[in-house]
Amino acid sequence: MSKTQLLLKEMQQEARTTRKMLERLPVDKLDWAPHERSMSIRRLATHIAELPSWTAMALNTSELDFASNPYEQETIETPAGILDFFERSLQQGTESLAKAKEEDLVPEWTLRNGDQIYSVEPKGDVIRMSFCQTVHHRAQLGVYLRLLNIPIPGSYGPSADEVDF
């Protein structure tokens, strides 16, 4: 199996888990955050929803420079809207990765803010990092949901909310 095929498989596996988590978003708590320095549920979930599109960005650009391309998160008003955004982002990322050749994963991609360089990595590694970011932020969302007494879906097997101990 090629590296692009492995990445596509992983992307689809993580998408199933992400979708289950986003389906649990509470309509009445989107602006809730567990701490003043934490993102709101809306902001966190919207970021999770956009991460699959980073695959397309990594494959189709050579860098992201926040100084010349300030980050502006899409404003979404409902859990259904966030889930729809995720599906569009996933489709964009999946289509770009499906078209990619192995050699497309090799060139370097830079994340920067003007002269401050955060990372320079091969595009394939940037794609994997975006998957890791999804898992990381999805876990944060799981803590938010737990604090609100919303049952957590399983990720790589059943959650404590899905089995009796």
N, C-alpha and C. Protein backbone atom coordinates (compact mmCIF):
# COMPACT_ATOMS: atom_id res chain seq x y z
N MET A 1 0.85 -1.18 0.00
CA MET A 1 0.00 0.00 0.00
C MET A 1 0.89 1.24 0.00
N SER A 2 0.58 2.19 -0.86
CA SER A 2 1.38 3.42 -0.96
C SER A 2 1.15 4.31 0.26
N LYS A 3 2.04 5.27 0.43
CA LYS A 3 1.90 6.20 1.54
C LYS A 3 0.62 7.02 1.41
N THR A 4 0.28 7.43 0.19
CA THR A 4 -0.97 8.20 0.01
C THR A 4 -2.18 7.33 0.37
N GLN A 5 -2.14 6.05 0.00
CA GLN A 5 -3.25 5.16 0.35
C GLN A 5 -3.35 4.97 1.86
N LEU A 6 -2.20 4.85 2.52
CA LEU A 6 -2.20 4.73 3.98
C LEU A 6 -2.77 5.99 4.64
N LEU A 7 -2.38 7.15 4.11
CA LEU A 7 -2.90 8.40 4.65
C LEU A 7 -4.41 8.53 4.42
N LEU A 8 -4.87 8.12 3.26
CA LEU A 8 -6.31 8.15 2.97
C LEU A 8 -7.08 7.24 3.93
N LYS A 9 -6.54 6.06 4.17
CA LYS A 9 -7.17 5.12 5.09
C LYS A 9 -7.26 5.72 6.49
N GLU A 10 -6.17 6.30 6.95
CA GLU A 10 -6.16 6.91 8.27
C GLU A 10 -7.12 8.10 8.34
N MET A 11 -7.15 8.89 7.29
CA MET A 11 -8.04 10.04 7.25
C MET A 11 -9.50 9.59 7.40
N GLN A 12 -9.87 8.54 6.71
CA GLN A 12 -11.25 8.03 6.78
C GLN A 12 -11.55 7.43 8.16
N GLN A 13 -10.59 6.73 8.74
CA GLN A 13 -10.79 6.17 10.08
C GLN A 13 -11.00 7.27 11.11
N GLU A 14 -10.16 8.28 11.07
CA GLU A 14 -10.28 9.38 12.03
C GLU A 14 -11.56 10.18 11.76
N ALA A 15 -11.98 10.28 10.52
CA ALA A 15 -13.20 11.01 10.18
C ALA A 15 -14.41 10.37 10.84
N ARG A 16 -14.45 9.05 10.88
CA ARG A 16 -15.60 8.37 11.51
C ARG A 16 -15.71 8.77 12.99
N THR A 17 -14.57 8.77 13.67
CA THR A 17 -14.57 9.12 15.09
C THR A 17 -14.88 10.60 15.28
N THR A 18 -14.31 11.44 14.44
CA THR A 18 -14.55 12.88 14.54
C THR A 18 -16.03 13.19 14.31
N ARG A 19 -16.61 12.55 13.33
CA ARG A 19 -18.02 12.76 13.01
C ARG A 19 -18.89 12.40 14.23
N LYS A 20 -18.60 11.26 14.88
CA LYS A 20 -19.37 10.87 16.06
C LYS A 20 -19.27 11.91 17.16
N MET A 21 -18.08 12.49 17.33
CA MET A 21 -17.88 13.50 18.37
C MET A 21 -18.64 14.78 18.03
N LEU A 22 -18.55 15.22 16.78
CA LEU A 22 -19.23 16.45 16.37
C LEU A 22 -20.75 16.30 16.42
N GLU A 23 -21.24 15.08 16.26
CA GLU A 23 -22.68 14.84 16.35
C GLU A 23 -23.21 15.05 17.76
N ARG A 24 -22.31 15.10 18.75
CA ARG A 24 -22.72 15.26 20.15
C ARG A 24 -22.73 16.72 20.61
N LEU A 25 -22.41 17.65 19.73
CA LEU A 25 -22.32 19.05 20.15
C LEU A 25 -23.66 19.54 20.70
N PRO A 26 -23.63 20.17 21.87
CA PRO A 26 -24.88 20.66 22.46
C PRO A 26 -25.29 22.00 21.86
N VAL A 27 -26.47 22.07 21.32
CA VAL A 27 -26.94 23.28 20.64
C VAL A 27 -26.99 24.47 21.58
N ASP A 28 -27.24 24.23 22.86
CA ASP A 28 -27.39 25.32 23.81
C ASP A 28 -26.10 25.68 24.56
N LYS A 29 -24.98 25.04 24.20
CA LYS A 29 -23.73 25.29 24.93
C LYS A 29 -22.55 25.62 24.00
N LEU A 30 -22.84 26.05 22.79
CA LEU A 30 -21.75 26.29 21.83
C LEU A 30 -20.78 27.37 22.29
N ASP A 31 -21.22 28.28 23.10
CA ASP A 31 -20.34 29.35 23.56
C ASP A 31 -19.71 29.06 24.93
N TRP A 32 -19.94 27.87 25.45
CA TRP A 32 -19.39 27.46 26.75
C TRP A 32 -17.91 27.09 26.60
N ALA A 33 -17.13 27.46 27.59
CA ALA A 33 -15.72 27.07 27.67
C ALA A 33 -15.42 26.72 29.13
N PRO A 34 -14.56 25.73 29.37
CA PRO A 34 -14.29 25.30 30.73
C PRO A 34 -13.39 26.25 31.52
N HIS A 35 -12.73 27.16 30.82
CA HIS A 35 -11.77 28.06 31.47
C HIS A 35 -11.66 29.31 30.61
N GLU A 36 -11.28 30.41 31.21
CA GLU A 36 -11.18 31.68 30.46
C GLU A 36 -10.13 31.63 29.35
N ARG A 37 -9.14 30.76 29.47
CA ARG A 37 -8.11 30.65 28.43
C ARG A 37 -8.43 29.57 27.41
N SER A 38 -9.52 28.86 27.60
CA SER A 38 -9.92 27.79 26.70
C SER A 38 -10.79 28.33 25.57
N MET A 39 -10.77 27.64 24.45
CA MET A 39 -11.68 27.97 23.35
C MET A 39 -13.10 27.58 23.76
N SER A 40 -14.06 28.24 23.17
CA SER A 40 -15.45 27.82 23.34
C SER A 40 -15.66 26.52 22.56
N ILE A 41 -16.75 25.84 22.88
CA ILE A 41 -17.07 24.62 22.13
C ILE A 41 -17.18 24.95 20.64
N ARG A 42 -17.84 26.04 20.31
CA ARG A 42 -18.01 26.42 18.90
C ARG A 42 -16.66 26.59 18.20
N ARG A 43 -15.78 27.34 18.83
CA ARG A 43 -14.47 27.60 18.21
C ARG A 43 -13.66 26.32 18.09
N LEU A 44 -13.65 25.51 19.14
CA LEU A 44 -12.90 24.25 19.12
C LEU A 44 -13.47 23.29 18.07
N ALA A 45 -14.77 23.13 18.06
CA ALA A 45 -15.39 22.21 17.11
C ALA A 45 -15.22 22.68 15.66
N THR A 46 -15.29 23.99 15.44
CA THR A 46 -15.08 24.51 14.09
C THR A 46 -13.64 24.28 13.65
N HIS A 47 -12.70 24.42 14.57
CA HIS A 47 -11.30 24.13 14.23
C HIS A 47 -11.13 22.65 13.89
N ILE A 48 -11.72 21.79 14.67
CA ILE A 48 -11.67 20.35 14.37
C ILE A 48 -12.25 20.10 12.99
N ALA A 49 -13.37 20.75 12.70
CA ALA A 49 -14.05 20.54 11.41
C ALA A 49 -13.22 21.01 10.23
N GLU A 50 -12.38 22.02 10.42
CA GLU A 50 -11.60 22.54 9.29
C GLU A 50 -10.30 21.76 9.05
N LEU A 51 -9.85 21.01 10.04
CA LEU A 51 -8.53 20.37 9.93
C LEU A 51 -8.37 19.43 8.73
N PRO A 52 -9.38 18.68 8.31
CA PRO A 52 -9.16 17.85 7.11
C PRO A 52 -8.78 18.66 5.86
N SER A 53 -9.17 19.92 5.80
CA SER A 53 -8.82 20.75 4.64
C SER A 53 -7.33 21.11 4.64
N TRP A 54 -6.65 20.93 5.77
CA TRP A 54 -5.22 21.18 5.80
C TRP A 54 -4.46 20.23 4.89
N THR A 55 -5.02 19.07 4.61
CA THR A 55 -4.40 18.15 3.67
C THR A 55 -4.30 18.79 2.30
N ALA A 56 -5.40 19.38 1.84
CA ALA A 56 -5.39 20.07 0.54
C ALA A 56 -4.46 21.26 0.58
N MET A 57 -4.48 22.02 1.68
CA MET A 57 -3.60 23.18 1.78
C MET A 57 -2.13 22.75 1.71
N ALA A 58 -1.78 21.70 2.42
CA ALA A 58 -0.39 21.24 2.40
C ALA A 58 0.03 20.78 1.01
N LEU A 59 -0.85 20.09 0.33
CA LEU A 59 -0.51 19.56 -0.99
C LEU A 59 -0.48 20.65 -2.07
N ASN A 60 -1.27 21.70 -1.90
CA ASN A 60 -1.43 22.69 -2.97
C ASN A 60 -0.71 24.00 -2.73
N THR A 61 -0.03 24.14 -1.61
CA THR A 61 0.73 25.35 -1.32
C THR A 61 2.11 24.97 -0.78
N SER A 62 2.97 25.95 -0.64
CA SER A 62 4.29 25.69 -0.08
C SER A 62 4.43 26.20 1.35
N GLU A 63 3.43 27.00 1.79
CA GLU A 63 3.50 27.52 3.16
C GLU A 63 2.18 28.15 3.56
N LEU A 64 2.08 28.37 4.88
CA LEU A 64 1.04 29.20 5.44
C LEU A 64 1.75 30.25 6.26
N ASP A 65 1.57 31.51 5.86
CA ASP A 65 2.18 32.63 6.56
C ASP A 65 1.05 33.45 7.17
N PHE A 66 0.93 33.38 8.49
CA PHE A 66 -0.13 34.10 9.18
C PHE A 66 0.01 35.61 9.03
N ALA A 67 1.23 36.11 8.79
CA ALA A 67 1.43 37.56 8.63
C ALA A 67 0.76 38.07 7.35
N SER A 68 0.80 37.28 6.29
CA SER A 68 0.20 37.72 5.03
C SER A 68 -1.17 37.07 4.79
N ASN A 69 -1.53 36.12 5.62
CA ASN A 69 -2.81 35.42 5.49
C ASN A 69 -3.38 35.20 6.89
N PRO A 70 -3.85 36.27 7.54
CA PRO A 70 -4.33 36.14 8.91
C PRO A 70 -5.44 35.10 9.03
N TYR A 71 -5.38 34.35 10.10
CA TYR A 71 -6.37 33.30 10.32
C TYR A 71 -7.71 33.90 10.72
N GLU A 72 -8.73 33.54 9.99
CA GLU A 72 -10.09 33.94 10.31
C GLU A 72 -10.96 32.71 10.25
N GLN A 73 -11.41 32.29 11.40
CA GLN A 73 -12.24 31.09 11.46
C GLN A 73 -13.63 31.39 10.95
N GLU A 74 -14.18 30.45 10.21
CA GLU A 74 -15.54 30.58 9.73
C GLU A 74 -16.50 30.60 10.92
N THR A 75 -17.47 31.49 10.89
CA THR A 75 -18.46 31.57 11.96
C THR A 75 -19.64 30.68 11.60
N ILE A 76 -19.89 29.71 12.46
CA ILE A 76 -20.97 28.75 12.23
C ILE A 76 -21.90 28.79 13.44
N GLU A 77 -23.18 28.84 13.19
CA GLU A 77 -24.15 29.08 14.26
C GLU A 77 -24.73 27.83 14.91
N THR A 78 -24.65 26.68 14.24
CA THR A 78 -25.32 25.49 14.77
C THR A 78 -24.41 24.27 14.73
N PRO A 79 -24.69 23.28 15.58
CA PRO A 79 -23.95 22.02 15.49
C PRO A 79 -24.07 21.38 14.10
N ALA A 80 -25.26 21.44 13.50
CA ALA A 80 -25.44 20.88 12.16
C ALA A 80 -24.56 21.61 11.15
N GLY A 81 -24.42 22.91 11.31
CA GLY A 81 -23.56 23.68 10.42
C GLY A 81 -22.10 23.30 10.58
N ILE A 82 -21.67 23.02 11.81
CA ILE A 82 -20.29 22.60 12.05
C ILE A 82 -20.06 21.23 11.42
N LEU A 83 -21.01 20.32 11.56
CA LEU A 83 -20.89 19.00 10.96
C LEU A 83 -20.84 19.09 9.44
N ASP A 84 -21.66 19.95 8.86
CA ASP A 84 -21.64 20.16 7.41
C ASP A 84 -20.29 20.72 6.96
N PHE A 85 -19.75 21.66 7.72
CA PHE A 85 -18.43 22.23 7.43
C PHE A 85 -17.37 21.13 7.47
N PHE A 86 -17.45 20.25 8.46
CA PHE A 86 -16.52 19.13 8.55
C PHE A 86 -16.61 18.25 7.29
N GLU A 87 -17.80 17.94 6.86
CA GLU A 87 -17.97 17.07 5.67
C GLU A 87 -17.38 17.73 4.43
N ARG A 88 -17.56 19.02 4.28
CA ARG A 88 -16.97 19.73 3.14
C ARG A 88 -15.45 19.76 3.23
N SER A 89 -14.94 19.98 4.41
CA SER A 89 -13.50 20.00 4.64
C SER A 89 -12.90 18.62 4.37
N LEU A 90 -13.58 17.58 4.85
CA LEU A 90 -13.13 16.21 4.62
C LEU A 90 -13.13 15.88 3.14
N GLN A 91 -14.16 16.28 2.43
CA GLN A 91 -14.21 16.02 0.99
C GLN A 91 -13.06 16.71 0.27
N GLN A 92 -12.79 17.94 0.64
CA GLN A 92 -11.68 18.69 0.02
C GLN A 92 -10.35 17.99 0.28
N GLY A 93 -10.12 17.61 1.52
CA GLY A 93 -8.86 16.94 1.87
C GLY A 93 -8.74 15.58 1.21
N THR A 94 -9.82 14.81 1.21
CA THR A 94 -9.82 13.48 0.63
C THR A 94 -9.56 13.54 -0.88
N GLU A 95 -10.24 14.44 -1.56
CA GLU A 95 -10.05 14.55 -3.02
C GLU A 95 -8.62 14.95 -3.36
N SER A 96 -8.03 15.87 -2.62
CA SER A 96 -6.65 16.28 -2.88
C SER A 96 -5.67 15.14 -2.64
N LEU A 97 -5.88 14.41 -1.56
CA LEU A 97 -4.99 13.31 -1.24
C LEU A 97 -5.15 12.16 -2.24
N ALA A 98 -6.36 11.91 -2.69
CA ALA A 98 -6.61 10.84 -3.67
C ALA A 98 -5.90 11.12 -5.00
N LYS A 99 -5.73 12.39 -5.34
CA LYS A 99 -5.06 12.77 -6.58
C LYS A 99 -3.54 12.82 -6.44
N ALA A 100 -3.06 12.84 -5.21
CA ALA A 100 -1.62 13.03 -4.97
C ALA A 100 -0.80 11.80 -5.36
N LYS A 101 0.40 12.09 -5.80
CA LYS A 101 1.39 11.05 -6.08
C LYS A 101 2.36 11.01 -4.90
N GLU A 102 3.09 9.93 -4.79
CA GLU A 102 4.04 9.79 -3.69
C GLU A 102 5.03 10.97 -3.64
N GLU A 103 5.46 11.40 -4.81
CA GLU A 103 6.44 12.50 -4.85
C GLU A 103 5.84 13.84 -4.38
N ASP A 104 4.51 13.94 -4.39
CA ASP A 104 3.87 15.16 -3.90
C ASP A 104 3.98 15.31 -2.38
N LEU A 105 4.31 14.25 -1.69
CA LEU A 105 4.43 14.26 -0.23
C LEU A 105 5.81 14.69 0.25
N VAL A 106 6.75 14.81 -0.68
CA VAL A 106 8.16 15.06 -0.32
C VAL A 106 8.54 16.53 -0.16
N PRO A 107 8.08 17.45 -1.00
CA PRO A 107 8.53 18.84 -0.87
C PRO A 107 8.23 19.42 0.51
N GLU A 108 9.06 20.35 0.92
CA GLU A 108 8.88 20.97 2.23
C GLU A 108 7.74 21.98 2.21
N TRP A 109 7.11 22.10 3.36
CA TRP A 109 6.01 23.03 3.58
C TRP A 109 6.33 23.79 4.86
N THR A 110 6.11 25.10 4.85
CA THR A 110 6.50 25.96 5.96
C THR A 110 5.28 26.58 6.63
N LEU A 111 5.29 26.56 7.96
CA LEU A 111 4.30 27.26 8.77
C LEU A 111 5.03 28.40 9.45
N ARG A 112 4.55 29.64 9.20
CA ARG A 112 5.27 30.81 9.70
C ARG A 112 4.33 31.94 10.04
N ASN A 113 4.90 32.90 10.72
CA ASN A 113 4.25 34.18 10.96
C ASN A 113 5.30 35.23 10.62
N GLY A 114 5.33 35.64 9.36
CA GLY A 114 6.37 36.55 8.88
C GLY A 114 7.73 35.87 8.97
N ASP A 115 8.65 36.51 9.66
CA ASP A 115 10.01 35.95 9.80
C ASP A 115 10.10 34.83 10.82
N GLN A 116 9.09 34.69 11.67
CA GLN A 116 9.10 33.63 12.67
C GLN A 116 8.61 32.34 12.05
N ILE A 117 9.50 31.38 11.95
CA ILE A 117 9.18 30.09 11.35
C ILE A 117 8.85 29.11 12.46
N TYR A 118 7.66 28.54 12.38
CA TYR A 118 7.24 27.55 13.37
C TYR A 118 7.70 26.16 13.00
N SER A 119 7.61 25.82 11.71
CA SER A 119 8.07 24.50 11.28
C SER A 119 8.28 24.46 9.78
N VAL A 120 9.19 23.61 9.38
CA VAL A 120 9.44 23.30 7.97
C VAL A 120 9.52 21.78 7.91
N GLU A 121 8.54 21.19 7.26
CA GLU A 121 8.44 19.73 7.22
C GLU A 121 8.02 19.27 5.83
N PRO A 122 8.33 18.02 5.47
CA PRO A 122 7.79 17.49 4.21
C PRO A 122 6.27 17.49 4.25
N LYS A 123 5.66 17.70 3.10
CA LYS A 123 4.21 17.79 3.02
C LYS A 123 3.51 16.57 3.60
N GLY A 124 4.07 15.40 3.41
CA GLY A 124 3.48 14.19 3.99
C GLY A 124 3.45 14.25 5.50
N ASP A 125 4.50 14.81 6.10
CA ASP A 125 4.54 14.96 7.56
C ASP A 125 3.53 16.01 8.04
N VAL A 126 3.33 17.04 7.25
CA VAL A 126 2.34 18.07 7.60
C VAL A 126 0.94 17.45 7.60
N ILE A 127 0.67 16.60 6.65
CA ILE A 127 -0.62 15.92 6.60
C ILE A 127 -0.81 15.06 7.85
N ARG A 128 0.20 14.30 8.21
CA ARG A 128 0.13 13.47 9.44
C ARG A 128 -0.05 14.37 10.67
N MET A 129 0.64 15.50 10.71
CA MET A 129 0.50 16.42 11.83
C MET A 129 -0.94 16.92 11.93
N SER A 130 -1.59 17.15 10.79
CA SER A 130 -2.97 17.62 10.83
C SER A 130 -3.89 16.53 11.39
N PHE A 131 -3.57 15.26 11.12
CA PHE A 131 -4.33 14.17 11.72
C PHE A 131 -4.14 14.16 13.23
N CYS A 132 -2.89 14.36 13.65
CA CYS A 132 -2.59 14.41 15.09
C CYS A 132 -3.30 15.59 15.76
N GLN A 133 -3.36 16.71 15.06
CA GLN A 133 -4.08 17.88 15.59
C GLN A 133 -5.56 17.55 15.76
N THR A 134 -6.12 16.82 14.83
CA THR A 134 -7.52 16.42 14.93
C THR A 134 -7.74 15.58 16.18
N VAL A 135 -6.89 14.58 16.37
CA VAL A 135 -7.02 13.71 17.55
C VAL A 135 -6.85 14.52 18.83
N HIS A 136 -5.86 15.39 18.87
CA HIS A 136 -5.59 16.22 20.04
C HIS A 136 -6.80 17.09 20.40
N HIS A 137 -7.33 17.81 19.42
CA HIS A 137 -8.44 18.70 19.69
C HIS A 137 -9.75 17.94 19.92
N ARG A 138 -9.87 16.79 19.31
CA ARG A 138 -11.04 15.94 19.56
C ARG A 138 -11.04 15.47 21.02
N ALA A 139 -9.86 15.17 21.55
CA ALA A 139 -9.75 14.79 22.96
C ALA A 139 -10.13 15.96 23.86
N GLN A 140 -9.71 17.16 23.49
CA GLN A 140 -10.13 18.34 24.26
C GLN A 140 -11.66 18.44 24.27
N LEU A 141 -12.26 18.27 23.10
CA LEU A 141 -13.71 18.35 23.01
C LEU A 141 -14.35 17.27 23.88
N GLY A 142 -13.74 16.11 23.95
CA GLY A 142 -14.26 15.05 24.82
C GLY A 142 -14.29 15.47 26.28
N VAL A 143 -13.26 16.18 26.72
CA VAL A 143 -13.25 16.69 28.10
C VAL A 143 -14.38 17.70 28.28
N TYR A 144 -14.56 18.58 27.33
CA TYR A 144 -15.65 19.56 27.41
C TYR A 144 -16.99 18.83 27.57
N LEU A 145 -17.21 17.85 26.70
CA LEU A 145 -18.48 17.12 26.74
C LEU A 145 -18.65 16.39 28.07
N ARG A 146 -17.59 15.79 28.57
CA ARG A 146 -17.65 15.09 29.85
C ARG A 146 -18.04 16.07 30.97
N LEU A 147 -17.44 17.25 30.96
CA LEU A 147 -17.76 18.25 31.99
C LEU A 147 -19.22 18.70 31.92
N LEU A 148 -19.82 18.57 30.75
CA LEU A 148 -21.23 18.93 30.57
C LEU A 148 -22.16 17.73 30.70
N ASN A 149 -21.60 16.59 31.11
CA ASN A 149 -22.36 15.34 31.27
C ASN A 149 -23.00 14.85 29.98
N ILE A 150 -22.31 15.07 28.89
CA ILE A 150 -22.75 14.56 27.59
C ILE A 150 -21.97 13.28 27.32
N PRO A 151 -22.64 12.17 27.04
CA PRO A 151 -21.94 10.90 26.82
C PRO A 151 -20.90 11.01 25.68
N ILE A 152 -19.76 10.40 25.92
CA ILE A 152 -18.65 10.43 24.97
C ILE A 152 -18.72 9.20 24.06
N PRO A 153 -18.63 9.41 22.75
CA PRO A 153 -18.59 8.24 21.86
C PRO A 153 -17.21 7.59 21.90
N GLY A 154 -17.15 6.32 21.58
CA GLY A 154 -15.87 5.62 21.52
C GLY A 154 -15.02 6.13 20.37
N SER A 155 -13.72 6.01 20.55
CA SER A 155 -12.78 6.42 19.50
C SER A 155 -12.17 5.19 18.83
N TYR A 156 -11.45 4.40 19.59
CA TYR A 156 -10.77 3.23 19.03
C TYR A 156 -11.31 1.96 19.67
N GLY A 157 -12.50 2.04 20.13
CA GLY A 157 -13.23 1.02 20.83
C GLY A 157 -14.30 1.74 21.62
N PRO A 158 -15.08 1.02 22.39
CA PRO A 158 -16.16 1.69 23.13
C PRO A 158 -15.63 2.61 24.22
N SER A 159 -16.40 3.64 24.52
CA SER A 159 -16.07 4.54 25.63
C SER A 159 -16.72 3.99 26.89
N ALA A 160 -16.39 4.61 28.02
CA ALA A 160 -17.00 4.21 29.29
C ALA A 160 -18.50 4.43 29.27
N ASP A 161 -18.98 5.33 28.40
CA ASP A 161 -20.41 5.59 28.29
C ASP A 161 -21.13 4.53 27.44
N GLU A 162 -20.37 3.70 26.76
CA GLU A 162 -20.98 2.72 25.86
C GLU A 162 -20.91 1.30 26.39
N VAL A 163 -20.24 1.10 27.52
CA VAL A 163 -20.15 -0.25 28.11
C VAL A 163 -20.46 -0.18 29.60
N ASP A 164 -20.92 -1.27 30.13
CA ASP A 164 -21.13 -1.38 31.58
C ASP A 164 -19.92 -2.06 32.19
N PHE A 165 -19.42 -1.49 33.25
CA PHE A 165 -18.28 -2.09 33.94
C PHE A 165 -18.75 -2.88 35.13
